[in-house]
Amino acid sequence: MASQELVVDTTPMDELQQLKELNEYQQKLTRMLVHDLKTPLSNILSLTEGHLEESKSKQIYEASQHMLRLTLDMLEVQKMKHLYFQPTLLPQNLPNLIEGAIHQVLGIARNKNISITLEGAVDDVLADDQLTQRTLINLLDNAIKFSPQNSNISIQIDQESKDSSTPSFAKISITDQGVGIPLNEQSKIFDQFYQVQSPQAQQGTGLGLSFCKMAIEAQGGKIGLSSALKQQGNSFWFTLPTHPQTSIASTTMTSYTTTRKTLVLTPEDRHSLEPWKAKLRQYEVYQLSKIKAILKTMAFAQDSNCFQWKLDIEQALYATNQAKYSQLLH
C-alpha cells in the first residue's frame, strides 16, 4: 500500500491575512477604476468621431489627463505603502509648483466657469516636486468637483513658525464655495476608498485624498480639512517644511485669476449674433441635440469674437451651465 504524504500548511496566519487583504484591495480597486475611467474614456471616444475642432481637441486632452492621474494615484498609493519608499526632498519654489498644478486643472475649471485665485508669500520649501504638485492637482480637482458653477476657488500660502528656534512651515490652503463636508464624514475623508456622500460631486475611487495624505506625511508635513457650516465651503490645507537658506522676499506673490478674459462683443458682433441668439433662446442648455444642430450651421472666422462666442456656448453646453448659457444669449 503506497504511503500518503501529509501536507501541512505552514503559512503564518498574518501572511494569509495580508494576502486576503491584498486580494480584496485589488478587486475593489479594479471595480472602482473601471467606473472612474469609463466616463473620460467615453468622452474621448465620442469626440473622435468625425472632424476634430480645437475645442474638442482640448476636451480630449483634459479627459486623457484625468485618466492618467487616476492611474498614477493607484500606482503611487501602492508604492508609498511599502517601507522602502523615500521621497526626493529638495528646495522647491512653491509658487511655481502651484502655478503648474493650476494649469493642469484649468480646463475643467473653465467648464464650470470657476475662477482660481492665488496669493501669499513664503520661503522655498523642502519637498518632492512631483509628489507636491500631484497633491495640489488632486486637491484642486476635488475642490472643482464640489464647487458650484460660476464660483471661485482660492489658494492661500502662508508661513508658520512658533519661534526662531523651531523649523518653519509653509501652509497651503485651498478653499472652495461648495457645500461643506458634514462633520461626521471629516474624520474619514483621507481614508482609502472613502467617498463623500454628496449629490454635487461625481463619485470616484476615493484614492486622490488618500494619496495626498500619504504624500504630504512622507515629506514631513501635515494635511487636514477645515470645513465651515453647510453651504459655506471646504478648506483643505497642508504644510511643508521651508528651506532655511532662502529668503521670503524671493517668492512674494500677488493675486491673479486663471479665468479666461471676458469676451467683449462689438456692436457689429452683437448685430451678427442676434439671429443666432434668437434661435438658441428657444432651448434650455440640456436640450443638447437641438442646440448642437444650430451650432453646426454657424460659420465664423477663427480669429473673430463671434467664433470665440461660439466656443463659449459649447463650453457652457458640455458643462450643462445654464447660468453661463443664459448670460451668453443676453
C-alpha atoms as a PDB file:
ATOM      1  CA  MET A   1       0.000   0.000   0.000  1.00  0.00           C
ATOM      2  CA  ALA A   2       1.512   3.304  -1.123  1.00  0.00           C
ATOM      3  CA  SER A   3       2.287   5.721   1.616  1.00  0.00           C
ATOM      4  CA  GLN A   4       0.449   9.008   1.597  1.00  0.00           C
ATOM      5  CA  GLU A   5       2.320  12.243   2.173  1.00  0.00           C
ATOM      6  CA  LEU A   6       0.775  14.521   4.733  1.00  0.00           C
ATOM      7  CA  VAL A   7       0.854  18.159   3.577  1.00  0.00           C
ATOM      8  CA  VAL A   8       0.837  20.665   6.387  1.00  0.00           C
ATOM      9  CA  ASP A   9       0.063  24.322   5.695  1.00  0.00           C
ATOM     10  CA  THR A  10       2.836  26.248   7.431  1.00  0.00           C
ATOM     11  CA  THR A  11       1.849  29.672   6.093  1.00  0.00           C
ATOM     12  CA  PRO A  12       1.666  32.060   9.068  1.00  0.00           C
ATOM     13  CA  MET A  13      -1.779  33.435   9.754  1.00  0.00           C
ATOM     14  CA  ASP A  14      -0.609  37.034   9.380  1.00  0.00           C
ATOM     15  CA  GLU A  15       0.647  36.282   5.843  1.00  0.00           C
ATOM     16  CA  LEU A  16      -2.683  34.709   4.943  1.00  0.00           C
ATOM     17  CA  GLN A  17      -4.458  37.773   6.269  1.00  0.00           C
ATOM     18  CA  GLN A  18      -2.189  40.036   4.216  1.00  0.00           C
ATOM     19  CA  LEU A  19      -2.901  38.001   1.083  1.00  0.00           C
ATOM     20  CA  LYS A  20      -6.622  38.199   1.764  1.00  0.00           C
ATOM     21  CA  GLU A  21      -6.467  41.960   2.255  1.00  0.00           C
ATOM     22  CA  LEU A  22      -4.386  42.377  -0.904  1.00  0.00           C
ATOM     23  CA  ASN A  23      -6.884  40.363  -2.928  1.00  0.00           C
ATOM     24  CA  GLU A  24      -9.790  42.412  -1.572  1.00  0.00           C
ATOM     25  CA  TYR A  25      -7.876  45.612  -2.307  1.00  0.00           C
ATOM     26  CA  GLN A  26      -7.201  44.578  -5.922  1.00  0.00           C
ATOM     27  CA  GLN A  27     -10.807  43.593  -6.558  1.00  0.00           C
ATOM     28  CA  LYS A  28     -12.203  46.780  -5.046  1.00  0.00           C
ATOM     29  CA  LEU A  29      -9.672  48.970  -6.813  1.00  0.00           C
ATOM     30  CA  THR A  30     -10.300  47.337 -10.188  1.00  0.00           C
ATOM     31  CA  ARG A  31     -14.050  47.789  -9.839  1.00  0.00           C
ATOM     32  CA  MET A  32     -13.725  51.447  -8.875  1.00  0.00           C
ATOM     33  CA  LEU A  33     -11.126  52.261 -11.515  1.00  0.00           C
ATOM     34  CA  VAL A  34     -13.288  50.764 -14.249  1.00  0.00           C
ATOM     35  CA  HIS A  35     -16.122  53.025 -13.083  1.00  0.00           C
ATOM     36  CA  ASP A  36     -13.884  56.098 -12.878  1.00  0.00           C
ATOM     37  CA  LEU A  37     -12.144  55.543 -16.208  1.00  0.00           C
ATOM     38  CA  LYS A  38     -15.376  54.852 -18.060  1.00  0.00           C
ATOM     39  CA  THR A  39     -16.597  58.450 -18.183  1.00  0.00           C
ATOM     40  CA  PRO A  40     -13.429  60.124 -19.538  1.00  0.00           C
ATOM     41  CA  LEU A  41     -12.908  57.236 -21.951  1.00  0.00           C
ATOM     42  CA  SER A  42     -16.456  57.640 -23.261  1.00  0.00           C
ATOM     43  CA  ASN A  43     -15.762  61.332 -23.784  1.00  0.00           C
ATOM     44  CA  ILE A  44     -12.640  60.532 -25.785  1.00  0.00           C
ATOM     45  CA  LEU A  45     -14.457  58.028 -27.992  1.00  0.00           C
ATOM     46  CA  SER A  46     -17.372  60.352 -28.716  1.00  0.00           C
ATOM     47  CA  LEU A  47     -15.086  63.272 -29.523  1.00  0.00           C
ATOM     48  CA  THR A  48     -13.026  61.278 -32.022  1.00  0.00           C
ATOM     49  CA  GLU A  49     -15.996  60.805 -34.340  1.00  0.00           C
ATOM     50  CA  GLY A  50     -15.543  62.954 -37.432  1.00  0.00           C
ATOM     51  CA  HIS A  51     -13.533  66.154 -37.792  1.00  0.00           C
ATOM     52  CA  LEU A  52     -11.970  67.464 -34.596  1.00  0.00           C
ATOM     53  CA  GLU A  53     -12.345  71.141 -33.760  1.00  0.00           C
ATOM     54  CA  GLU A  54      -9.901  72.954 -31.488  1.00  0.00           C
ATOM     55  CA  SER A  55     -12.337  72.957 -28.568  1.00  0.00           C
ATOM     56  CA  LYS A  56     -12.829  69.184 -28.881  1.00  0.00           C
ATOM     57  CA  SER A  57      -9.077  68.590 -29.002  1.00  0.00           C
ATOM     58  CA  LYS A  58      -8.793  70.388 -25.653  1.00  0.00           C
ATOM     59  CA  GLN A  59     -11.525  68.193 -24.183  1.00  0.00           C
ATOM     60  CA  ILE A  60      -9.730  65.054 -25.395  1.00  0.00           C
ATOM     61  CA  TYR A  61      -6.525  66.253 -23.770  1.00  0.00           C
ATOM     62  CA  GLU A  62      -8.268  67.029 -20.471  1.00  0.00           C
ATOM     63  CA  ALA A  63     -10.071  63.665 -20.386  1.00  0.00           C
ATOM     64  CA  SER A  64      -6.785  61.873 -21.129  1.00  0.00           C
ATOM     65  CA  GLN A  65      -5.043  63.768 -18.331  1.00  0.00           C
ATOM     66  CA  HIS A  66      -7.822  62.751 -15.939  1.00  0.00           C
ATOM     67  CA  MET A  67      -7.345  59.073 -16.828  1.00  0.00           C
ATOM     68  CA  LEU A  68      -3.596  59.382 -16.380  1.00  0.00           C
ATOM     69  CA  ARG A  69      -3.983  60.963 -12.929  1.00  0.00           C
ATOM     70  CA  LEU A  70      -6.254  58.120 -11.803  1.00  0.00           C
ATOM     71  CA  THR A  71      -3.702  55.539 -12.887  1.00  0.00           C
ATOM     72  CA  LEU A  72      -0.810  57.393 -11.241  1.00  0.00           C
ATOM     73  CA  ASP A  73      -2.770  57.721  -7.997  1.00  0.00           C
ATOM     74  CA  MET A  74      -3.244  53.959  -7.918  1.00  0.00           C
ATOM     75  CA  LEU A  75       0.450  53.270  -8.524  1.00  0.00           C
ATOM     76  CA  GLU A  76       1.709  55.872  -6.044  1.00  0.00           C
ATOM     77  CA  VAL A  77      -0.607  54.770  -3.231  1.00  0.00           C
ATOM     78  CA  GLN A  78       0.644  51.206  -3.593  1.00  0.00           C
ATOM     79  CA  LYS A  79       4.277  52.336  -3.741  1.00  0.00           C
ATOM     80  CA  MET A  80       4.011  54.527  -0.640  1.00  0.00           C
ATOM     81  CA  LYS A  81       2.560  51.650   1.392  1.00  0.00           C
ATOM     82  CA  HIS A  82       5.971  49.955   1.289  1.00  0.00           C
ATOM     83  CA  LEU A  83       8.568  50.806   3.905  1.00  0.00           C
ATOM     84  CA  TYR A  84      11.351  51.313   1.354  1.00  0.00           C
ATOM     85  CA  PHE A  85       9.634  54.314  -0.251  1.00  0.00           C
ATOM     86  CA  GLN A  86      11.604  57.545   0.204  1.00  0.00           C
ATOM     87  CA  PRO A  87      10.620  60.902  -1.344  1.00  0.00           C
ATOM     88  CA  THR A  88      13.266  63.068  -3.014  1.00  0.00           C
ATOM     89  CA  LEU A  89      13.381  66.203  -0.846  1.00  0.00           C
ATOM     90  CA  LEU A  90      14.990  69.248  -2.479  1.00  0.00           C
ATOM     91  CA  PRO A  91      14.474  73.043  -2.247  1.00  0.00           C
ATOM     92  CA  GLN A  92      11.414  73.907  -4.357  1.00  0.00           C
ATOM     93  CA  ASN A  93       9.808  77.186  -5.396  1.00  0.00           C
ATOM     94  CA  LEU A  94       6.269  76.697  -4.099  1.00  0.00           C
ATOM     95  CA  PRO A  95       4.546  79.298  -6.328  1.00  0.00           C
ATOM     96  CA  ASN A  96       5.947  77.559  -9.420  1.00  0.00           C
ATOM     97  CA  LEU A  97       4.561  74.210  -8.256  1.00  0.00           C
ATOM     98  CA  ILE A  98       1.155  75.762  -7.566  1.00  0.00           C
ATOM     99  CA  GLU A  99       1.005  77.502 -10.940  1.00  0.00           C
ATOM    100  CA  GLY A 100       1.890  74.237 -12.684  1.00  0.00           C
ATOM    101  CA  ALA A 101      -0.943  72.473 -10.849  1.00  0.00           C
ATOM    102  CA  ILE A 102      -3.419  75.237 -11.720  1.00  0.00           C
ATOM    103  CA  HIS A 103      -2.659  74.885 -15.423  1.00  0.00           C
ATOM    104  CA  GLN A 104      -3.353  71.144 -15.194  1.00  0.00           C
ATOM    105  CA  VAL A 105      -6.923  71.716 -13.950  1.00  0.00           C
ATOM    106  CA  LEU A 106      -7.687  74.975 -15.728  1.00  0.00           C
ATOM    107  CA  GLY A 107      -9.755  73.289 -18.430  1.00  0.00           C
ATOM    108  CA  ILE A 108     -12.196  71.553 -16.074  1.00  0.00           C
ATOM    109  CA  ALA A 109     -12.448  74.736 -14.003  1.00  0.00           C
ATOM    110  CA  ARG A 110     -13.395  76.733 -17.086  1.00  0.00           C
ATOM    111  CA  ASN A 111     -16.053  74.179 -17.978  1.00  0.00           C
ATOM    112  CA  LYS A 112     -17.859  75.200 -14.774  1.00  0.00           C
ATOM    113  CA  ASN A 113     -16.863  78.866 -15.123  1.00  0.00           C
ATOM    114  CA  ILE A 114     -14.858  78.610 -11.898  1.00  0.00           C
ATOM    115  CA  SER A 115     -12.089  81.121 -11.243  1.00  0.00           C
ATOM    116  CA  ILE A 116      -8.955  80.243  -9.269  1.00  0.00           C
ATOM    117  CA  THR A 117      -7.061  82.904  -7.326  1.00  0.00           C
ATOM    118  CA  LEU A 118      -3.699  82.642  -5.598  1.00  0.00           C
ATOM    119  CA  GLU A 119      -1.948  84.937  -3.141  1.00  0.00           C
ATOM    120  CA  GLY A 120       0.595  84.866  -0.348  1.00  0.00           C
ATOM    121  CA  ALA A 121       4.324  84.824   0.323  1.00  0.00           C
ATOM    122  CA  VAL A 122       6.559  82.011   1.523  1.00  0.00           C
ATOM    123  CA  ASP A 123      10.153  80.747   1.572  1.00  0.00           C
ATOM    124  CA  ASP A 124      11.158  77.899  -0.693  1.00  0.00           C
ATOM    125  CA  VAL A 125      10.046  74.538   0.677  1.00  0.00           C
ATOM    126  CA  LEU A 126      11.964  71.307   1.155  1.00  0.00           C
ATOM    127  CA  ALA A 127       9.822  68.909  -0.847  1.00  0.00           C
ATOM    128  CA  ASP A 128       9.483  66.293  -3.563  1.00  0.00           C
ATOM    129  CA  ASP A 129       8.319  68.325  -6.561  1.00  0.00           C
ATOM    130  CA  GLN A 130       6.331  65.534  -8.234  1.00  0.00           C
ATOM    131  CA  LEU A 131       4.536  64.423  -5.064  1.00  0.00           C
ATOM    132  CA  THR A 132       3.746  68.013  -4.089  1.00  0.00           C
ATOM    133  CA  GLN A 133       2.419  69.032  -7.488  1.00  0.00           C
ATOM    134  CA  ARG A 134       0.296  65.880  -7.742  1.00  0.00           C
ATOM    135  CA  THR A 135      -1.092  66.649  -4.267  1.00  0.00           C
ATOM    136  CA  LEU A 136      -2.013  70.154  -5.422  1.00  0.00           C
ATOM    137  CA  ILE A 137      -3.662  68.800  -8.580  1.00  0.00           C
ATOM    138  CA  ASN A 138      -5.724  66.303  -6.584  1.00  0.00           C
ATOM    139  CA  LEU A 139      -6.856  68.929  -4.064  1.00  0.00           C
ATOM    140  CA  LEU A 140      -7.772  71.383  -6.834  1.00  0.00           C
ATOM    141  CA  ASP A 141      -9.606  68.668  -8.756  1.00  0.00           C
ATOM    142  CA  ASN A 142     -11.507  67.805  -5.579  1.00  0.00           C
ATOM    143  CA  ALA A 143     -12.387  71.477  -4.984  1.00  0.00           C
ATOM    144  CA  ILE A 144     -13.690  71.829  -8.545  1.00  0.00           C
ATOM    145  CA  LYS A 145     -15.884  68.729  -8.155  1.00  0.00           C
ATOM    146  CA  PHE A 146     -17.525  70.149  -5.032  1.00  0.00           C
ATOM    147  CA  SER A 147     -17.806  73.728  -6.295  1.00  0.00           C
ATOM    148  CA  PRO A 148     -20.983  75.124  -7.830  1.00  0.00           C
ATOM    149  CA  GLN A 149     -20.810  76.653 -11.283  1.00  0.00           C
ATOM    150  CA  ASN A 150     -19.740  80.303 -11.557  1.00  0.00           C
ATOM    151  CA  SER A 151     -17.862  80.263  -8.229  1.00  0.00           C
ATOM    152  CA  ASN A 152     -14.304  80.843  -7.002  1.00  0.00           C
ATOM    153  CA  ILE A 153     -11.541  78.669  -5.541  1.00  0.00           C
ATOM    154  CA  SER A 154      -8.883  80.499  -3.549  1.00  0.00           C
ATOM    155  CA  ILE A 155      -5.354  79.307  -2.798  1.00  0.00           C
ATOM    156  CA  GLN A 156      -3.613  80.988   0.139  1.00  0.00           C
ATOM    157  CA  ILE A 157       0.022  80.381   1.094  1.00  0.00           C
ATOM    158  CA  ASP A 158       1.393  81.462   4.476  1.00  0.00           C
ATOM    159  CA  GLN A 159       4.499  80.869   6.541  1.00  0.00           C
ATOM    160  CA  GLU A 160       4.126  79.468  10.038  1.00  0.00           C
ATOM    161  CA  SER A 161       6.769  79.485  12.764  1.00  0.00           C
ATOM    162  CA  LYS A 162       6.334  79.303  16.537  1.00  0.00           C
ATOM    163  CA  ASP A 163       9.687  80.958  17.271  1.00  0.00           C
ATOM    164  CA  SER A 164      13.189  81.323  15.839  1.00  0.00           C
ATOM    165  CA  SER A 165      14.362  78.083  17.473  1.00  0.00           C
ATOM    166  CA  THR A 166      11.830  75.858  15.698  1.00  0.00           C
ATOM    167  CA  PRO A 167      11.613  74.994  11.986  1.00  0.00           C
ATOM    168  CA  SER A 168       9.104  76.994   9.977  1.00  0.00           C
ATOM    169  CA  PHE A 169       6.483  75.521   7.690  1.00  0.00           C
ATOM    170  CA  ALA A 170       4.658  76.742   4.620  1.00  0.00           C
ATOM    171  CA  LYS A 171       0.888  76.311   4.853  1.00  0.00           C
ATOM    172  CA  ILE A 172      -1.145  75.986   1.667  1.00  0.00           C
ATOM    173  CA  SER A 173      -4.934  76.309   1.921  1.00  0.00           C
ATOM    174  CA  ILE A 174      -7.330  75.551  -0.952  1.00  0.00           C
ATOM    175  CA  THR A 175     -10.840  76.844  -0.268  1.00  0.00           C
ATOM    176  CA  ASP A 176     -13.959  76.290  -2.372  1.00  0.00           C
ATOM    177  CA  GLN A 177     -17.501  77.677  -2.157  1.00  0.00           C
ATOM    178  CA  GLY A 178     -19.317  74.352  -2.305  1.00  0.00           C
ATOM    179  CA  VAL A 179     -21.428  72.568   0.276  1.00  0.00           C
ATOM    180  CA  GLY A 180     -19.422  71.878   3.424  1.00  0.00           C
ATOM    181  CA  ILE A 181     -18.446  68.274   4.140  1.00  0.00           C
ATOM    182  CA  PRO A 182     -20.506  67.026   7.125  1.00  0.00           C
ATOM    183  CA  LEU A 183     -18.657  66.822  10.453  1.00  0.00           C
ATOM    184  CA  ASN A 184     -19.364  63.091  10.773  1.00  0.00           C
ATOM    185  CA  GLU A 185     -17.510  62.454   7.491  1.00  0.00           C
ATOM    186  CA  GLN A 186     -14.493  64.710   8.015  1.00  0.00           C
ATOM    187  CA  SER A 187     -12.535  62.188  10.098  1.00  0.00           C
ATOM    188  CA  LYS A 188     -12.821  59.616   7.273  1.00  0.00           C
ATOM    189  CA  ILE A 189     -12.129  61.920   4.336  1.00  0.00           C
ATOM    190  CA  PHE A 190      -8.497  60.799   3.890  1.00  0.00           C
ATOM    191  CA  ASP A 191      -9.273  57.077   4.269  1.00  0.00           C
ATOM    192  CA  GLN A 192      -8.530  54.949   1.243  1.00  0.00           C
ATOM    193  CA  PHE A 193     -11.625  54.418  -0.962  1.00  0.00           C
ATOM    194  CA  TYR A 194     -13.811  56.678   1.177  1.00  0.00           C
ATOM    195  CA  GLN A 195     -16.333  58.692  -0.861  1.00  0.00           C
ATOM    196  CA  VAL A 196     -18.196  61.721   0.454  1.00  0.00           C
ATOM    197  CA  GLN A 197     -21.940  61.323   0.098  1.00  0.00           C
ATOM    198  CA  SER A 198     -22.687  64.472  -1.898  1.00  0.00           C
ATOM    199  CA  PRO A 199     -25.000  64.958  -4.882  1.00  0.00           C
ATOM    200  CA  GLN A 200     -22.691  67.727  -6.132  1.00  0.00           C
ATOM    201  CA  ALA A 201     -19.599  65.595  -6.606  1.00  0.00           C
ATOM    202  CA  GLN A 202     -19.051  62.804  -9.092  1.00  0.00           C
ATOM    203  CA  GLN A 203     -18.297  59.555  -7.320  1.00  0.00           C
ATOM    204  CA  GLY A 204     -14.723  58.350  -7.714  1.00  0.00           C
ATOM    205  CA  THR A 205     -12.235  55.878  -6.322  1.00  0.00           C
ATOM    206  CA  GLY A 206     -11.514  57.862  -3.178  1.00  0.00           C
ATOM    207  CA  LEU A 207      -7.811  57.404  -3.916  1.00  0.00           C
ATOM    208  CA  GLY A 208      -6.994  61.073  -4.510  1.00  0.00           C
ATOM    209  CA  LEU A 209      -7.191  62.333  -0.923  1.00  0.00           C
ATOM    210  CA  SER A 210      -5.634  59.135   0.411  1.00  0.00           C
ATOM    211  CA  PHE A 211      -2.694  59.757  -1.917  1.00  0.00           C
ATOM    212  CA  CYS A 212      -2.459  63.374  -0.703  1.00  0.00           C
ATOM    213  CA  LYS A 213      -2.208  62.288   2.938  1.00  0.00           C
ATOM    214  CA  MET A 214       0.499  59.725   2.219  1.00  0.00           C
ATOM    215  CA  ALA A 215       2.457  62.137   0.004  1.00  0.00           C
ATOM    216  CA  ILE A 216       2.449  65.044   2.463  1.00  0.00           C
ATOM    217  CA  GLU A 217       3.230  62.952   5.549  1.00  0.00           C
ATOM    218  CA  ALA A 218       6.086  61.240   3.673  1.00  0.00           C
ATOM    219  CA  GLN A 219       7.612  64.720   3.232  1.00  0.00           C
ATOM    220  CA  GLY A 220       7.319  65.604   6.923  1.00  0.00           C
ATOM    221  CA  GLY A 221       4.193  67.725   6.585  1.00  0.00           C
ATOM    222  CA  LYS A 222       0.617  67.570   7.817  1.00  0.00           C
ATOM    223  CA  ILE A 223      -2.707  67.715   5.991  1.00  0.00           C
ATOM    224  CA  GLY A 224      -6.231  68.464   7.147  1.00  0.00           C
ATOM    225  CA  LEU A 225      -9.652  69.902   6.434  1.00  0.00           C
ATOM    226  CA  SER A 226     -11.372  72.970   7.840  1.00  0.00           C
ATOM    227  CA  SER A 227     -14.983  72.757   6.731  1.00  0.00           C
ATOM    228  CA  ALA A 228     -17.354  75.549   7.638  1.00  0.00           C
ATOM    229  CA  LEU A 229     -21.079  75.224   8.150  1.00  0.00           C
ATOM    230  CA  LYS A 230     -23.266  73.869   5.369  1.00  0.00           C
ATOM    231  CA  GLN A 231     -23.210  75.921   2.152  1.00  0.00           C
ATOM    232  CA  GLN A 232     -20.028  77.741   3.225  1.00  0.00           C
ATOM    233  CA  GLY A 233     -17.392  75.627   1.552  1.00  0.00           C
ATOM    234  CA  ASN A 234     -14.384  73.491   2.438  1.00  0.00           C
ATOM    235  CA  SER A 235     -10.770  74.432   3.039  1.00  0.00           C
ATOM    236  CA  PHE A 236      -8.194  71.682   2.588  1.00  0.00           C
ATOM    237  CA  TRP A 237      -4.739  72.597   3.842  1.00  0.00           C
ATOM    238  CA  PHE A 238      -1.308  71.031   4.119  1.00  0.00           C
ATOM    239  CA  THR A 239       2.094  72.063   5.423  1.00  0.00           C
ATOM    240  CA  LEU A 240       5.633  71.517   4.177  1.00  0.00           C
ATOM    241  CA  PRO A 241       8.929  72.415   5.888  1.00  0.00           C
ATOM    242  CA  THR A 242      10.595  75.524   4.477  1.00  0.00           C
ATOM    243  CA  HIS A 243      14.185  75.623   3.296  1.00  0.00           C
ATOM    244  CA  PRO A 244      16.130  77.872   5.726  1.00  0.00           C
ATOM    245  CA  GLN A 245      18.658  79.142   3.143  1.00  0.00           C
ATOM    246  CA  THR A 246      16.044  81.025   1.080  1.00  0.00           C
ATOM    247  CA  SER A 247      14.523  84.461   1.572  1.00  0.00           C
ATOM    248  CA  ILE A 248      10.802  85.066   1.761  1.00  0.00           C
ATOM    249  CA  ALA A 249      11.114  88.140  -0.453  1.00  0.00           C
ATOM    250  CA  SER A 250      12.107  85.995  -3.451  1.00  0.00           C
ATOM    251  CA  THR A 251       8.686  84.341  -3.653  1.00  0.00           C
ATOM    252  CA  THR A 252       6.319  87.193  -2.842  1.00  0.00           C
ATOM    253  CA  MET A 253       3.163  86.835  -4.917  1.00  0.00           C
ATOM    254  CA  THR A 254       0.205  88.917  -5.928  1.00  0.00           C
ATOM    255  CA  SER A 255      -3.359  87.841  -6.554  1.00  0.00           C
ATOM    256  CA  TYR A 256      -4.303  86.671 -10.023  1.00  0.00           C
ATOM    257  CA  THR A 257      -7.144  84.808 -11.631  1.00  0.00           C
ATOM    258  CA  THR A 258      -6.990  81.947 -14.101  1.00  0.00           C
ATOM    259  CA  THR A 259     -10.296  82.557 -15.796  1.00  0.00           C
ATOM    260  CA  ARG A 260     -10.384  83.414 -19.477  1.00  0.00           C
ATOM    261  CA  LYS A 261     -10.528  87.119 -20.321  1.00  0.00           C
ATOM    262  CA  THR A 262     -14.071  88.394 -20.628  1.00  0.00           C
ATOM    263  CA  LEU A 263     -15.262  88.343 -24.220  1.00  0.00           C
ATOM    264  CA  VAL A 264     -16.136  91.859 -25.368  1.00  0.00           C
ATOM    265  CA  LEU A 265     -18.505  91.941 -28.339  1.00  0.00           C
ATOM    266  CA  THR A 266     -18.618  94.994 -30.575  1.00  0.00           C
ATOM    267  CA  PRO A 267     -21.963  96.417 -31.772  1.00  0.00           C
ATOM    268  CA  GLU A 268     -21.273  94.743 -35.126  1.00  0.00           C
ATOM    269  CA  ASP A 269     -20.663  91.407 -33.383  1.00  0.00           C
ATOM    270  CA  ARG A 270     -23.915  91.706 -31.449  1.00  0.00           C
ATOM    271  CA  HIS A 271     -25.816  92.526 -34.623  1.00  0.00           C
ATOM    272  CA  SER A 272     -24.345  89.471 -36.397  1.00  0.00           C
ATOM    273  CA  LEU A 273     -25.070  87.157 -33.463  1.00  0.00           C
ATOM    274  CA  GLU A 274     -28.608  88.296 -32.693  1.00  0.00           C
ATOM    275  CA  PRO A 275     -30.334  85.926 -35.202  1.00  0.00           C
ATOM    276  CA  TRP A 276     -28.364  83.009 -33.738  1.00  0.00           C
ATOM    277  CA  LYS A 277     -29.148  84.074 -30.180  1.00  0.00           C
ATOM    278  CA  ALA A 278     -32.849  84.253 -31.032  1.00  0.00           C
ATOM    279  CA  LYS A 279     -32.767  80.641 -32.249  1.00  0.00           C
ATOM    280  CA  LEU A 280     -30.827  79.407 -29.215  1.00  0.00           C
ATOM    281  CA  ARG A 281     -33.123  81.174 -26.741  1.00  0.00           C
ATOM    282  CA  GLN A 282     -35.837  78.693 -27.682  1.00  0.00           C
ATOM    283  CA  TYR A 283     -33.933  75.934 -25.882  1.00  0.00           C
ATOM    284  CA  GLU A 284     -32.547  75.208 -22.423  1.00  0.00           C
ATOM    285  CA  VAL A 285     -28.937  74.135 -22.008  1.00  0.00           C
ATOM    286  CA  TYR A 286     -29.879  70.462 -21.511  1.00  0.00           C
ATOM    287  CA  GLN A 287     -31.502  70.258 -24.986  1.00  0.00           C
ATOM    288  CA  LEU A 288     -28.143  69.234 -26.383  1.00  0.00           C
ATOM    289  CA  SER A 289     -29.006  67.823 -29.805  1.00  0.00           C
ATOM    290  CA  LYS A 290     -31.151  70.785 -30.860  1.00  0.00           C
ATOM    291  CA  ILE A 291     -28.563  73.347 -29.786  1.00  0.00           C
ATOM    292  CA  LYS A 292     -25.723  71.430 -31.463  1.00  0.00           C
ATOM    293  CA  ALA A 293     -27.717  71.344 -34.700  1.00  0.00           C
ATOM    294  CA  ILE A 294     -27.851  75.158 -34.657  1.00  0.00           C
ATOM    295  CA  LEU A 295     -24.164  75.490 -33.763  1.00  0.00           C
ATOM    296  CA  LYS A 296     -23.181  73.317 -36.729  1.00  0.00           C
ATOM    297  CA  THR A 297     -24.739  75.814 -39.127  1.00  0.00           C
ATOM    298  CA  MET A 298     -22.617  78.698 -37.788  1.00  0.00           C
ATOM    299  CA  ALA A 299     -19.565  79.723 -39.806  1.00  0.00           C
ATOM    300  CA  PHE A 300     -17.257  82.315 -38.254  1.00  0.00           C
ATOM    301  CA  ALA A 301     -13.613  83.207 -38.862  1.00  0.00           C
ATOM    302  CA  GLN A 302     -11.483  81.514 -36.189  1.00  0.00           C
ATOM    303  CA  ASP A 303      -9.847  84.791 -35.146  1.00  0.00           C
ATOM    304  CA  SER A 304     -13.181  86.564 -34.656  1.00  0.00           C
ATOM    305  CA  ASN A 305     -15.098  87.414 -31.487  1.00  0.00           C
ATOM    306  CA  CYS A 306     -18.097  85.544 -32.883  1.00  0.00           C
ATOM    307  CA  PHE A 307     -16.071  82.332 -33.149  1.00  0.00           C
ATOM    308  CA  GLN A 308     -14.926  82.759 -29.527  1.00  0.00           C
ATOM    309  CA  TRP A 309     -18.556  83.330 -28.513  1.00  0.00           C
ATOM    310  CA  LYS A 310     -19.484  80.043 -30.206  1.00  0.00           C
ATOM    311  CA  LEU A 311     -16.733  78.213 -28.272  1.00  0.00           C
ATOM    312  CA  ASP A 312     -18.041  79.716 -25.029  1.00  0.00           C
ATOM    313  CA  ILE A 313     -21.548  78.477 -25.883  1.00  0.00           C
ATOM    314  CA  GLU A 314     -20.130  74.978 -26.481  1.00  0.00           C
ATOM    315  CA  GLN A 315     -18.322  75.014 -23.134  1.00  0.00           C
ATOM    316  CA  ALA A 316     -21.493  76.053 -21.322  1.00  0.00           C
ATOM    317  CA  LEU A 317     -23.345  73.322 -23.188  1.00  0.00           C
ATOM    318  CA  TYR A 318     -20.949  70.489 -22.293  1.00  0.00           C
ATOM    319  CA  ALA A 319     -20.819  71.654 -18.654  1.00  0.00           C
ATOM    320  CA  THR A 320     -24.641  71.988 -18.534  1.00  0.00           C
ATOM    321  CA  ASN A 321     -24.026  75.502 -17.197  1.00  0.00           C
ATOM    322  CA  GLN A 322     -27.435  77.169 -17.568  1.00  0.00           C
ATOM    323  CA  ALA A 323     -26.304  80.437 -15.963  1.00  0.00           C
ATOM    324  CA  LYS A 324     -23.383  80.838 -18.363  1.00  0.00           C
ATOM    325  CA  TYR A 325     -25.531  79.785 -21.333  1.00  0.00           C
ATOM    326  CA  SER A 326     -28.194  82.386 -20.485  1.00  0.00           C
ATOM    327  CA  GLN A 327     -25.547  85.067 -19.969  1.00  0.00           C
ATOM    328  CA  LEU A 328     -24.085  84.441 -23.427  1.00  0.00           C
ATOM    329  CA  LEU A 329     -27.538  84.721 -25.016  1.00  0.00           C
ATOM    330  CA  HIS A 330     -28.351  88.002 -23.283  1.00  0.00           C
END
